[in-house]
PDB file of N, CA and C in Angstrom:
ATOM      1  N   MET A   1      20.490   0.034   5.242  1.00  0.00           N
ATOM      2  CA  MET A   1      21.035   0.545   6.832  1.00  0.00           C
ATOM      3  C   MET A   1      19.843   1.831   6.876  1.00  0.00           C
ATOM      4  N   THR A   2      19.479   1.835   8.141  1.00  0.00           N
ATOM      5  CA  THR A   2      19.426   3.270   8.352  1.00  0.00           C
ATOM      6  C   THR A   2      20.406   4.070   9.211  1.00  0.00           C
ATOM      7  N   ASN A   3      20.705   5.503   9.360  1.00  0.00           N
ATOM      8  CA  ASN A   3      21.448   6.100   9.786  1.00  0.00           C
ATOM      9  C   ASN A   3      20.033   6.948  10.706  1.00  0.00           C
ATOM     10  N   ASN A   4      20.552   6.534  11.967  1.00  0.00           N
ATOM     11  CA  ASN A   4      19.420   6.744  12.779  1.00  0.00           C
ATOM     12  C   ASN A   4      19.862   8.267  13.410  1.00  0.00           C
ATOM     13  N   ASN A   5      21.216   8.869  13.204  1.00  0.00           N
ATOM     14  CA  ASN A   5      21.223  10.430  13.582  1.00  0.00           C
ATOM     15  C   ASN A   5      21.204  11.934  12.259  1.00  0.00           C
ATOM     16  N   ALA A   6      21.160  10.181  11.749  1.00  0.00           N
ATOM     17  CA  ALA A   6      19.926  11.638   9.772  1.00  0.00           C
ATOM     18  C   ALA A   6      18.310  11.275  10.002  1.00  0.00           C
ATOM     19  N   PRO A   7      18.364  13.351  10.129  1.00  0.00           N
ATOM     20  CA  PRO A   7      17.016  12.724  10.361  1.00  0.00           C
ATOM     21  C   PRO A   7      16.359  12.799   8.942  1.00  0.00           C
ATOM     22  N   ALA A   8      14.256  12.112   8.797  1.00  0.00           N
ATOM     23  CA  ALA A   8      14.033  11.632   8.354  1.00  0.00           C
ATOM     24  C   ALA A   8      13.755  12.615   7.496  1.00  0.00           C
ATOM     25  N   ALA A   9      14.012  11.979   5.491  1.00  0.00           N
ATOM     26  CA  ALA A   9      13.472  13.236   4.553  1.00  0.00           C
ATOM     27  C   ALA A   9      11.710  12.018   4.965  1.00  0.00           C
ATOM     28  N   ILE A  10      12.012  10.907   4.836  1.00  0.00           N
ATOM     29  CA  ILE A  10      10.564  10.578   4.757  1.00  0.00           C
ATOM     30  C   ILE A  10      10.074   9.539   5.857  1.00  0.00           C
ATOM     31  N   ARG A  11       8.470  10.588   6.846  1.00  0.00           N
ATOM     32  CA  ARG A  11       8.318   9.523   7.833  1.00  0.00           C
ATOM     33  C   ARG A  11       6.907   8.855   7.143  1.00  0.00           C
ATOM     34  N   VAL A  12       6.722   7.381   7.865  1.00  0.00           N
ATOM     35  CA  VAL A  12       5.087   7.097   7.123  1.00  0.00           C
ATOM     36  C   VAL A  12       5.449   6.164   8.554  1.00  0.00           C
ATOM     37  N   HIS A  13       4.043   6.571   8.941  1.00  0.00           N
ATOM     38  CA  HIS A  13       3.168   5.468  10.578  1.00  0.00           C
ATOM     39  C   HIS A  13       2.676   5.462  10.494  1.00  0.00           C
ATOM     40  N   GLY A  14       1.541   4.218  10.560  1.00  0.00           N
ATOM     41  CA  GLY A  14      -0.256   3.955  10.014  1.00  0.00           C
ATOM     42  C   GLY A  14      -1.136   4.419   9.487  1.00  0.00           C
ATOM     43  N   LEU A  15       0.129   4.219   7.622  1.00  0.00           N
ATOM     44  CA  LEU A  15      -0.056   4.696   6.219  1.00  0.00           C
ATOM     45  C   LEU A  15      -1.537   3.480   6.180  1.00  0.00           C
ATOM     46  N   ARG A  16      -3.034   3.892   5.403  1.00  0.00           N
ATOM     47  CA  ARG A  16      -3.725   2.994   5.174  1.00  0.00           C
ATOM     48  C   ARG A  16      -4.991   3.786   3.826  1.00  0.00           C
ATOM     49  N   LYS A  17      -5.340   2.837   3.350  1.00  0.00           N
ATOM     50  CA  LYS A  17      -5.248   3.828   1.923  1.00  0.00           C
ATOM     51  C   LYS A  17      -6.883   2.339   1.110  1.00  0.00           C
ATOM     52  N   SER A  18      -7.668   2.778   0.942  1.00  0.00           N
ATOM     53  CA  SER A  18      -8.459   1.558   0.666  1.00  0.00           C
ATOM     54  C   SER A  18      -9.948   2.464  -0.204  1.00  0.00           C
ATOM     55  N   TYR A  19     -10.269   0.731  -1.487  1.00  0.00           N
ATOM     56  CA  TYR A  19     -11.247   1.537  -2.123  1.00  0.00           C
ATOM     57  C   TYR A  19     -11.776   0.909  -1.866  1.00  0.00           C
ATOM     58  N   GLY A  20     -13.597   1.665  -1.428  1.00  0.00           N
ATOM     59  CA  GLY A  20     -14.345   0.338  -0.974  1.00  0.00           C
ATOM     60  C   GLY A  20     -14.124  -0.669   0.024  1.00  0.00           C
ATOM     61  N   GLN A  21     -14.313  -1.386  -0.689  1.00  0.00           N
ATOM     62  CA  GLN A  21     -13.979  -2.860   0.922  1.00  0.00           C
ATOM     63  C   GLN A  21     -13.152  -2.834   0.965  1.00  0.00           C
ATOM     64  N   GLN A  22     -11.933  -2.811  -0.887  1.00  0.00           N
ATOM     65  CA  GLN A  22     -10.634  -4.041  -0.675  1.00  0.00           C
ATOM     66  C   GLN A  22      -9.184  -2.380  -0.234  1.00  0.00           C
ATOM     67  N   VAL A  23      -9.298  -3.336   0.719  1.00  0.00           N
ATOM     68  CA  VAL A  23      -8.013  -2.631   2.072  1.00  0.00           C
ATOM     69  C   VAL A  23      -6.787  -2.998   1.088  1.00  0.00           C
ATOM     70  N   VAL A  24      -5.894  -1.214   0.511  1.00  0.00           N
ATOM     71  CA  VAL A  24      -4.872  -2.272  -0.853  1.00  0.00           C
ATOM     72  C   VAL A  24      -3.500  -1.427   0.033  1.00  0.00           C
ATOM     73  N   LEU A  25      -3.531  -0.652   1.449  1.00  0.00           N
ATOM     74  CA  LEU A  25      -2.335   0.033   2.663  1.00  0.00           C
ATOM     75  C   LEU A  25      -2.990  -0.476   3.886  1.00  0.00           C
ATOM     76  N   ASP A  26      -2.607  -1.497   4.767  1.00  0.00           N
ATOM     77  CA  ASP A  26      -2.890  -1.635   5.760  1.00  0.00           C
ATOM     78  C   ASP A  26      -1.662  -1.502   7.352  1.00  0.00           C
ATOM     79  N   GLY A  27      -2.082  -0.275   6.972  1.00  0.00           N
ATOM     80  CA  GLY A  27      -0.298   0.102   9.169  1.00  0.00           C
ATOM     81  C   GLY A  27       0.649   0.503   8.165  1.00  0.00           C
ATOM     82  N   ILE A  28       0.901   1.419   7.254  1.00  0.00           N
ATOM     83  CA  ILE A  28       2.222   1.106   6.873  1.00  0.00           C
ATOM     84  C   ILE A  28       3.048   2.114   7.699  1.00  0.00           C
ATOM     85  N   ASP A  29       4.866   1.137   8.356  1.00  0.00           N
ATOM     86  CA  ASP A  29       4.984   1.937   8.780  1.00  0.00           C
ATOM     87  C   ASP A  29       6.745   2.065   8.050  1.00  0.00           C
ATOM     88  N   PHE A  30       7.491   3.607   7.679  1.00  0.00           N
ATOM     89  CA  PHE A  30       9.208   3.508   7.522  1.00  0.00           C
ATOM     90  C   PHE A  30       9.254   4.555   7.993  1.00  0.00           C
ATOM     91  N   ASP A  31      10.410   5.231   8.112  1.00  0.00           N
ATOM     92  CA  ASP A  31      11.785   6.043   7.331  1.00  0.00           C
ATOM     93  C   ASP A  31      12.582   5.718   7.264  1.00  0.00           C
ATOM     94  N   VAL A  32      12.869   6.680   5.982  1.00  0.00           N
ATOM     95  CA  VAL A  32      13.857   7.261   5.119  1.00  0.00           C
ATOM     96  C   VAL A  32      14.331   8.182   5.438  1.00  0.00           C
ATOM     97  N   ALA A  33      15.948   8.242   5.912  1.00  0.00           N
ATOM     98  CA  ALA A  33      17.203   9.394   6.489  1.00  0.00           C
ATOM     99  C   ALA A  33      17.250  10.492   5.426  1.00  0.00           C
ATOM    100  N   GLN A  34      17.509  10.612   5.684  1.00  0.00           N
ATOM    101  CA  GLN A  34      18.105  11.637   4.658  1.00  0.00           C
ATOM    102  C   GLN A  34      19.232  11.694   3.253  1.00  0.00           C
ATOM    103  N   GLY A  35      19.467  11.509   3.121  1.00  0.00           N
ATOM    104  CA  GLY A  35      20.848  10.835   2.282  1.00  0.00           C
ATOM    105  C   GLY A  35      21.358   9.696   1.888  1.00  0.00           C
ATOM    106  N   SER A  36      20.390   9.336   1.444  1.00  0.00           N
ATOM    107  CA  SER A  36      19.413   7.195   2.545  1.00  0.00           C
ATOM    108  C   SER A  36      19.373   7.287   0.333  1.00  0.00           C
ATOM    109  N   VAL A  37      18.901   5.536   0.173  1.00  0.00           N
ATOM    110  CA  VAL A  37      19.056   5.271  -0.866  1.00  0.00           C
ATOM    111  C   VAL A  37      17.781   4.188  -0.464  1.00  0.00           C
ATOM    112  N   PHE A  38      16.956   4.371  -0.666  1.00  0.00           N
ATOM    113  CA  PHE A  38      15.897   3.381  -0.126  1.00  0.00           C
ATOM    114  C   PHE A  38      15.094   2.627  -1.436  1.00  0.00           C
ATOM    115  N   SER A  39      14.712   1.995  -1.230  1.00  0.00           N
ATOM    116  CA  SER A  39      13.543   1.048  -2.339  1.00  0.00           C
ATOM    117  C   SER A  39      12.322   0.418  -1.615  1.00  0.00           C
ATOM    118  N   LEU A  40      11.289   0.486  -2.456  1.00  0.00           N
ATOM    119  CA  LEU A  40      10.600  -0.098  -2.314  1.00  0.00           C
ATOM    120  C   LEU A  40      10.193  -1.146  -3.416  1.00  0.00           C
ATOM    121  N   LEU A  41      10.005  -2.348  -2.690  1.00  0.00           N
ATOM    122  CA  LEU A  41       9.953  -3.302  -3.253  1.00  0.00           C
ATOM    123  C   LEU A  41       8.177  -4.895  -2.745  1.00  0.00           C
ATOM    124  N   GLY A  42       8.475  -5.256  -3.235  1.00  0.00           N
ATOM    125  CA  GLY A  42       7.583  -6.485  -3.272  1.00  0.00           C
ATOM    126  C   GLY A  42       6.969  -6.962  -4.795  1.00  0.00           C
ATOM    127  N   PRO A  43       5.590  -7.647  -4.534  1.00  0.00           N
ATOM    128  CA  PRO A  43       5.105  -8.160  -5.616  1.00  0.00           C
ATOM    129  C   PRO A  43       4.630  -7.640  -6.940  1.00  0.00           C
ATOM    130  N   ASN A  44       3.280  -7.608  -7.653  1.00  0.00           N
ATOM    131  CA  ASN A  44       2.327  -6.983  -8.014  1.00  0.00           C
ATOM    132  C   ASN A  44       1.039  -7.141  -6.874  1.00  0.00           C
ATOM    133  N   GLY A  45       0.298  -5.221  -6.367  1.00  0.00           N
ATOM    134  CA  GLY A  45      -0.411  -5.638  -5.738  1.00  0.00           C
ATOM    135  C   GLY A  45      -0.353  -5.471  -4.711  1.00  0.00           C
ATOM    136  N   ALA A  46       1.338  -5.160  -4.174  1.00  0.00           N
ATOM    137  CA  ALA A  46       1.360  -4.799  -2.930  1.00  0.00           C
ATOM    138  C   ALA A  46       0.681  -3.496  -2.897  1.00  0.00           C
ATOM    139  N   GLY A  47       1.210  -2.726  -3.115  1.00  0.00           N
ATOM    140  CA  GLY A  47       0.793  -1.928  -2.883  1.00  0.00           C
ATOM    141  C   GLY A  47       1.929  -0.205  -2.777  1.00  0.00           C
ATOM    142  N   LYS A  48       2.923  -1.157  -3.891  1.00  0.00           N
ATOM    143  CA  LYS A  48       3.989   0.140  -3.553  1.00  0.00           C
ATOM    144  C   LYS A  48       3.277   2.229  -5.143  1.00  0.00           C
ATOM    145  N   THR A  49       3.110   1.257  -6.504  1.00  0.00           N
ATOM    146  CA  THR A  49       2.129   2.727  -6.682  1.00  0.00           C
ATOM    147  C   THR A  49       0.941   3.611  -5.395  1.00  0.00           C
ATOM    148  N   THR A  50       0.258   2.486  -4.467  1.00  0.00           N
ATOM    149  CA  THR A  50      -0.684   3.422  -3.804  1.00  0.00           C
ATOM    150  C   THR A  50       0.262   4.038  -2.882  1.00  0.00           C
ATOM    151  N   THR A  51       1.058   3.326  -2.195  1.00  0.00           N
ATOM    152  CA  THR A  51       2.036   4.306  -1.458  1.00  0.00           C
ATOM    153  C   THR A  51       3.353   5.454  -2.196  1.00  0.00           C
ATOM    154  N   VAL A  52       3.648   4.907  -2.880  1.00  0.00           N
ATOM    155  CA  VAL A  52       3.999   6.804  -4.405  1.00  0.00           C
ATOM    156  C   VAL A  52       3.459   7.473  -3.943  1.00  0.00           C
ATOM    157  N   GLN A  53       2.104   7.360  -4.614  1.00  0.00           N
ATOM    158  CA  GLN A  53       0.787   8.282  -5.078  1.00  0.00           C
ATOM    159  C   GLN A  53       0.919   9.540  -3.969  1.00  0.00           C
ATOM    160  N   VAL A  54       0.424   8.546  -3.043  1.00  0.00           N
ATOM    161  CA  VAL A  54      -0.239   8.836  -1.407  1.00  0.00           C
ATOM    162  C   VAL A  54       1.345  10.230  -1.731  1.00  0.00           C
ATOM    163  N   LEU A  55       2.556   9.358  -1.194  1.00  0.00           N
ATOM    164  CA  LEU A  55       3.900  10.119  -0.989  1.00  0.00           C
ATOM    165  C   LEU A  55       3.186  11.337  -1.423  1.00  0.00           C
ATOM    166  N   SER A  56       3.180  11.304  -2.851  1.00  0.00           N
ATOM    167  CA  SER A  56       3.402  12.306  -3.789  1.00  0.00           C
ATOM    168  C   SER A  56       1.422  13.421  -4.124  1.00  0.00           C
ATOM    169  N   THR A  57       1.021  12.823  -3.045  1.00  0.00           N
ATOM    170  CA  THR A  57       0.133  14.240  -2.281  1.00  0.00           C
ATOM    171  C   THR A  57      -0.831  13.591  -3.990  1.00  0.00           C
ATOM    172  N   LEU A  58      -0.870  13.004  -4.925  1.00  0.00           N
ATOM    173  CA  LEU A  58      -1.381  12.777  -6.412  1.00  0.00           C
ATOM    174  C   LEU A  58      -3.169  11.897  -5.774  1.00  0.00           C
ATOM    175  N   ILE A  59      -3.036  11.161  -4.153  1.00  0.00           N
ATOM    176  CA  ILE A  59      -4.061  10.802  -4.410  1.00  0.00           C
ATOM    177  C   ILE A  59      -4.079  10.849  -2.166  1.00  0.00           C
ATOM    178  N   PRO A  60      -5.362  10.684  -1.728  1.00  0.00           N
ATOM    179  CA  PRO A  60      -4.871  11.116  -0.376  1.00  0.00           C
ATOM    180  C   PRO A  60      -5.480   9.717   0.645  1.00  0.00           C
ATOM    181  N   ALA A  61      -4.030  10.291   1.806  1.00  0.00           N
ATOM    182  CA  ALA A  61      -4.456   8.055   2.406  1.00  0.00           C
ATOM    183  C   ALA A  61      -5.690   8.400   3.381  1.00  0.00           C
ATOM    184  N   ASP A  62      -6.264   7.057   4.077  1.00  0.00           N
ATOM    185  CA  ASP A  62      -7.759   7.589   4.706  1.00  0.00           C
ATOM    186  C   ASP A  62      -7.399   7.775   5.617  1.00  0.00           C
ATOM    187  N   ALA A  63      -6.160   7.236   6.399  1.00  0.00           N
ATOM    188  CA  ALA A  63      -5.827   7.465   7.448  1.00  0.00           C
ATOM    189  C   ALA A  63      -4.273   7.762   8.311  1.00  0.00           C
ATOM    190  N   GLY A  64      -3.036   7.056   8.868  1.00  0.00           N
ATOM    191  CA  GLY A  64      -2.008   7.587   9.086  1.00  0.00           C
ATOM    192  C   GLY A  64      -0.927   9.040   9.509  1.00  0.00           C
ATOM    193  N   GLN A  65      -0.276   9.076   9.364  1.00  0.00           N
ATOM    194  CA  GLN A  65       1.310  10.163   9.705  1.00  0.00           C
ATOM    195  C   GLN A  65       1.955  10.066   9.557  1.00  0.00           C
ATOM    196  N   VAL A  66       1.595  10.883   7.997  1.00  0.00           N
ATOM    197  CA  VAL A  66       3.286  11.276   6.516  1.00  0.00           C
ATOM    198  C   VAL A  66       4.025  12.703   7.157  1.00  0.00           C
ATOM    199  N   GLN A  67       4.885  12.176   7.094  1.00  0.00           N
ATOM    200  CA  GLN A  67       6.281  13.739   7.124  1.00  0.00           C
ATOM    201  C   GLN A  67       6.842  13.151   5.183  1.00  0.00           C
ATOM    202  N   VAL A  68       6.409  14.642   4.290  1.00  0.00           N
ATOM    203  CA  VAL A  68       8.430  13.909   3.394  1.00  0.00           C
ATOM    204  C   VAL A  68       9.009  15.309   3.449  1.00  0.00           C
ATOM    205  N   GLY A  69      10.088  15.508   3.591  1.00  0.00           N
ATOM    206  CA  GLY A  69      10.789  16.777   3.460  1.00  0.00           C
ATOM    207  C   GLY A  69      10.752  17.632   4.965  1.00  0.00           C
ATOM    208  N   GLY A  70      10.323  17.018   5.571  1.00  0.00           N
ATOM    209  CA  GLY A  70       9.838  17.073   7.203  1.00  0.00           C
ATOM    210  C   GLY A  70       8.816  18.388   7.567  1.00  0.00           C
ATOM    211  N   HIS A  71       7.605  18.093   6.085  1.00  0.00           N
ATOM    212  CA  HIS A  71       6.252  18.380   6.235  1.00  0.00           C
ATOM    213  C   HIS A  71       5.223  17.009   6.396  1.00  0.00           C
ATOM    214  N   ASP A  72       4.373  18.614   6.801  1.00  0.00           N
ATOM    215  CA  ASP A  72       3.228  17.064   6.717  1.00  0.00           C
ATOM    216  C   ASP A  72       2.625  17.091   5.578  1.00  0.00           C
ATOM    217  N   LEU A  73       2.211  15.734   5.704  1.00  0.00           N
ATOM    218  CA  LEU A  73       1.415  15.602   3.668  1.00  0.00           C
ATOM    219  C   LEU A  73      -0.138  15.794   4.373  1.00  0.00           C
ATOM    220  N   SER A  74      -0.959  15.851   4.802  1.00  0.00           N
ATOM    221  CA  SER A  74      -2.261  16.467   4.658  1.00  0.00           C
ATOM    222  C   SER A  74      -2.233  17.325   5.048  1.00  0.00           C
ATOM    223  N   ARG A  75      -1.215  18.384   5.621  1.00  0.00           N
ATOM    224  CA  ARG A  75      -1.742  19.994   6.387  1.00  0.00           C
ATOM    225  C   ARG A  75      -0.698  20.630   5.350  1.00  0.00           C
ATOM    226  N   GLU A  76       0.659  20.734   4.586  1.00  0.00           N
ATOM    227  CA  GLU A  76       0.931  21.623   3.983  1.00  0.00           C
ATOM    228  C   GLU A  76       1.392  20.075   1.680  1.00  0.00           C
ATOM    229  N   PRO A  77      -0.033  19.923   1.794  1.00  0.00           N
ATOM    230  CA  PRO A  77       0.367  19.518   0.353  1.00  0.00           C
ATOM    231  C   PRO A  77       1.924  19.813   0.031  1.00  0.00           C
ATOM    232  N   ASP A  78       1.624  21.026  -0.632  1.00  0.00           N
ATOM    233  CA  ASP A  78       2.483  22.105  -1.486  1.00  0.00           C
ATOM    234  C   ASP A  78       3.796  22.571  -0.646  1.00  0.00           C
ATOM    235  N   ALA A  79       3.411  22.943   0.674  1.00  0.00           N
ATOM    236  CA  ALA A  79       5.199  22.456   0.326  1.00  0.00           C
ATOM    237  C   ALA A  79       6.044  20.948   0.539  1.00  0.00           C
ATOM    238  N   VAL A  80       5.062  19.881   0.327  1.00  0.00           N
ATOM    239  CA  VAL A  80       5.699  18.444  -0.734  1.00  0.00           C
ATOM    240  C   VAL A  80       5.769  18.578  -1.428  1.00  0.00           C
ATOM    241  N   ARG A  81       4.614  19.068  -2.353  1.00  0.00           N
ATOM    242  CA  ARG A  81       5.301  19.151  -3.524  1.00  0.00           C
ATOM    243  C   ARG A  81       6.611  19.558  -4.085  1.00  0.00           C
ATOM    244  N   ALA A  82       6.820  21.252  -3.808  1.00  0.00           N
ATOM    245  CA  ALA A  82       7.815  21.714  -4.108  1.00  0.00           C
ATOM    246  C   ALA A  82       9.175  20.759  -2.901  1.00  0.00           C
ATOM    247  N   ALA A  83       9.001  20.607  -2.600  1.00  0.00           N
ATOM    248  CA  ALA A  83       9.883  19.095  -1.799  1.00  0.00           C
ATOM    249  C   ALA A  83      10.415  18.081  -2.697  1.00  0.00           C
ATOM    250  N   ILE A  84       8.885  17.716  -3.709  1.00  0.00           N
ATOM    251  CA  ILE A  84       9.938  16.367  -4.070  1.00  0.00           C
ATOM    252  C   ILE A  84       9.681  16.533  -6.288  1.00  0.00           C
ATOM    253  N   GLY A  85      10.385  15.616  -6.647  1.00  0.00           N
ATOM    254  CA  GLY A  85       9.941  15.068  -7.512  1.00  0.00           C
ATOM    255  C   GLY A  85      10.328  13.980  -8.226  1.00  0.00           C
ATOM    256  N   VAL A  86       8.755  13.333  -8.907  1.00  0.00           N
ATOM    257  CA  VAL A  86       8.041  12.864  -8.799  1.00  0.00           C
ATOM    258  C   VAL A  86       8.499  11.453 -10.418  1.00  0.00           C
ATOM    259  N   THR A  87       9.342  11.076 -11.094  1.00  0.00           N
ATOM    260  CA  THR A  87       9.011  10.788 -12.649  1.00  0.00           C
ATOM    261  C   THR A  87       7.764   8.750 -12.335  1.00  0.00           C
ATOM    262  N   GLY A  88       7.651   8.829 -12.938  1.00  0.00           N
ATOM    263  CA  GLY A  88       7.463   7.145 -14.019  1.00  0.00           C
ATOM    264  C   GLY A  88       9.109   5.852 -14.105  1.00  0.00           C
ATOM    265  N   GLN A  89       8.809   4.686 -14.106  1.00  0.00           N
ATOM    266  CA  GLN A  89       9.278   3.748 -14.448  1.00  0.00           C
ATOM    267  C   GLN A  89       9.400   4.334 -16.007  1.00  0.00           C
ATOM    268  N   PHE A  90       8.429   4.939 -16.897  1.00  0.00           N
ATOM    269  CA  PHE A  90       8.920   4.631 -18.311  1.00  0.00           C
ATOM    270  C   PHE A  90       9.247   5.600 -18.548  1.00  0.00           C
ATOM    271  N   SER A  91       9.099   6.732 -18.101  1.00  0.00           N
ATOM    272  CA  SER A  91       9.293   8.502 -18.740  1.00  0.00           C
ATOM    273  C   SER A  91      10.529   8.403 -19.687  1.00  0.00           C
ATOM    274  N   ALA A  92      11.829   8.190 -19.220  1.00  0.00           N
ATOM    275  CA  ALA A  92      12.840   8.327 -19.623  1.00  0.00           C
ATOM    276  C   ALA A  92      13.124   6.967 -20.280  1.00  0.00           C
ATOM    277  N   TRP A  93      12.533   6.368 -20.969  1.00  0.00           N
ATOM    278  CA  TRP A  93      12.735   5.182 -21.774  1.00  0.00           C
ATOM    279  C   TRP A  93      12.248   5.473 -22.473  1.00  0.00           C
ATOM    280  N   THR A  94      12.065   6.520 -23.780  1.00  0.00           N
ATOM    281  CA  THR A  94      11.724   6.249 -24.581  1.00  0.00           C
ATOM    282  C   THR A  94      12.289   6.342 -25.768  1.00  0.00           C
ATOM    283  N   SER A  95      11.302   5.976 -26.939  1.00  0.00           N
ATOM    284  CA  SER A  95      12.459   5.236 -28.346  1.00  0.00           C
ATOM    285  C   SER A  95      13.142   7.350 -28.447  1.00  0.00           C
ATOM    286  N   SER A  96      12.750   7.713 -28.056  1.00  0.00           N
ATOM    287  CA  SER A  96      13.154   9.047 -28.667  1.00  0.00           C
ATOM    288  C   SER A  96      15.091   9.469 -27.918  1.00  0.00           C
ATOM    289  N   SER A  97      14.647   8.520 -26.811  1.00  0.00           N
ATOM    290  CA  SER A  97      15.868   9.170 -25.419  1.00  0.00           C
ATOM    291  C   SER A  97      16.736   8.489 -26.328  1.00  0.00           C
ATOM    292  N   PRO A  98      17.706   9.858 -25.770  1.00  0.00           N
ATOM    293  CA  PRO A  98      19.402  10.382 -26.498  1.00  0.00           C
ATOM    294  C   PRO A  98      19.880   8.395 -26.196  1.00  0.00           C
ATOM    295  N   ALA A  99      20.174   8.286 -24.739  1.00  0.00           N
ATOM    296  CA  ALA A  99      20.310   6.902 -24.254  1.00  0.00           C
ATOM    297  C   ALA A  99      20.287   5.554 -25.442  1.00  0.00           C
ATOM    298  N   ARG A 100      18.964   5.763 -26.143  1.00  0.00           N
ATOM    299  CA  ARG A 100      18.785   4.968 -26.664  1.00  0.00           C
ATOM    300  C   ARG A 100      19.096   5.348 -28.123  1.00  0.00           C
ATOM    301  N   ARG A 101      19.276   6.288 -28.702  1.00  0.00           N
ATOM    302  CA  ARG A 101      19.408   6.421 -30.191  1.00  0.00           C
ATOM    303  C   ARG A 101      20.854   5.865 -30.544  1.00  0.00           C
ATOM    304  N   THR A 102      20.857   5.077 -31.631  1.00  0.00           N
ATOM    305  CA  THR A 102      22.447   4.589 -32.128  1.00  0.00           C
ATOM    306  C   THR A 102      22.316   4.937 -33.545  1.00  0.00           C
TER     307      THR A 102
END
């Protein structure tokens, strides 16, 4: 459910990314309201990792308009990086993690 009154934490419109002839993101659109919980779900190869990599400035988009934390991704990548934190799914659950020690 989206709260239409809350400002967007993330705005993605027309996001595209290709590797050669392989199109991996073909015009993705979504908004995430501040204070909301958002899940990016899909099968393997759907473009979830590529989307996160673009949003976190790790790889450039080929087209589209993206704002993260109110900052334009293409014009203000340093401000985007200062506003976010990203971790992979396995970084928190290593064999030495205190939560996993017995």
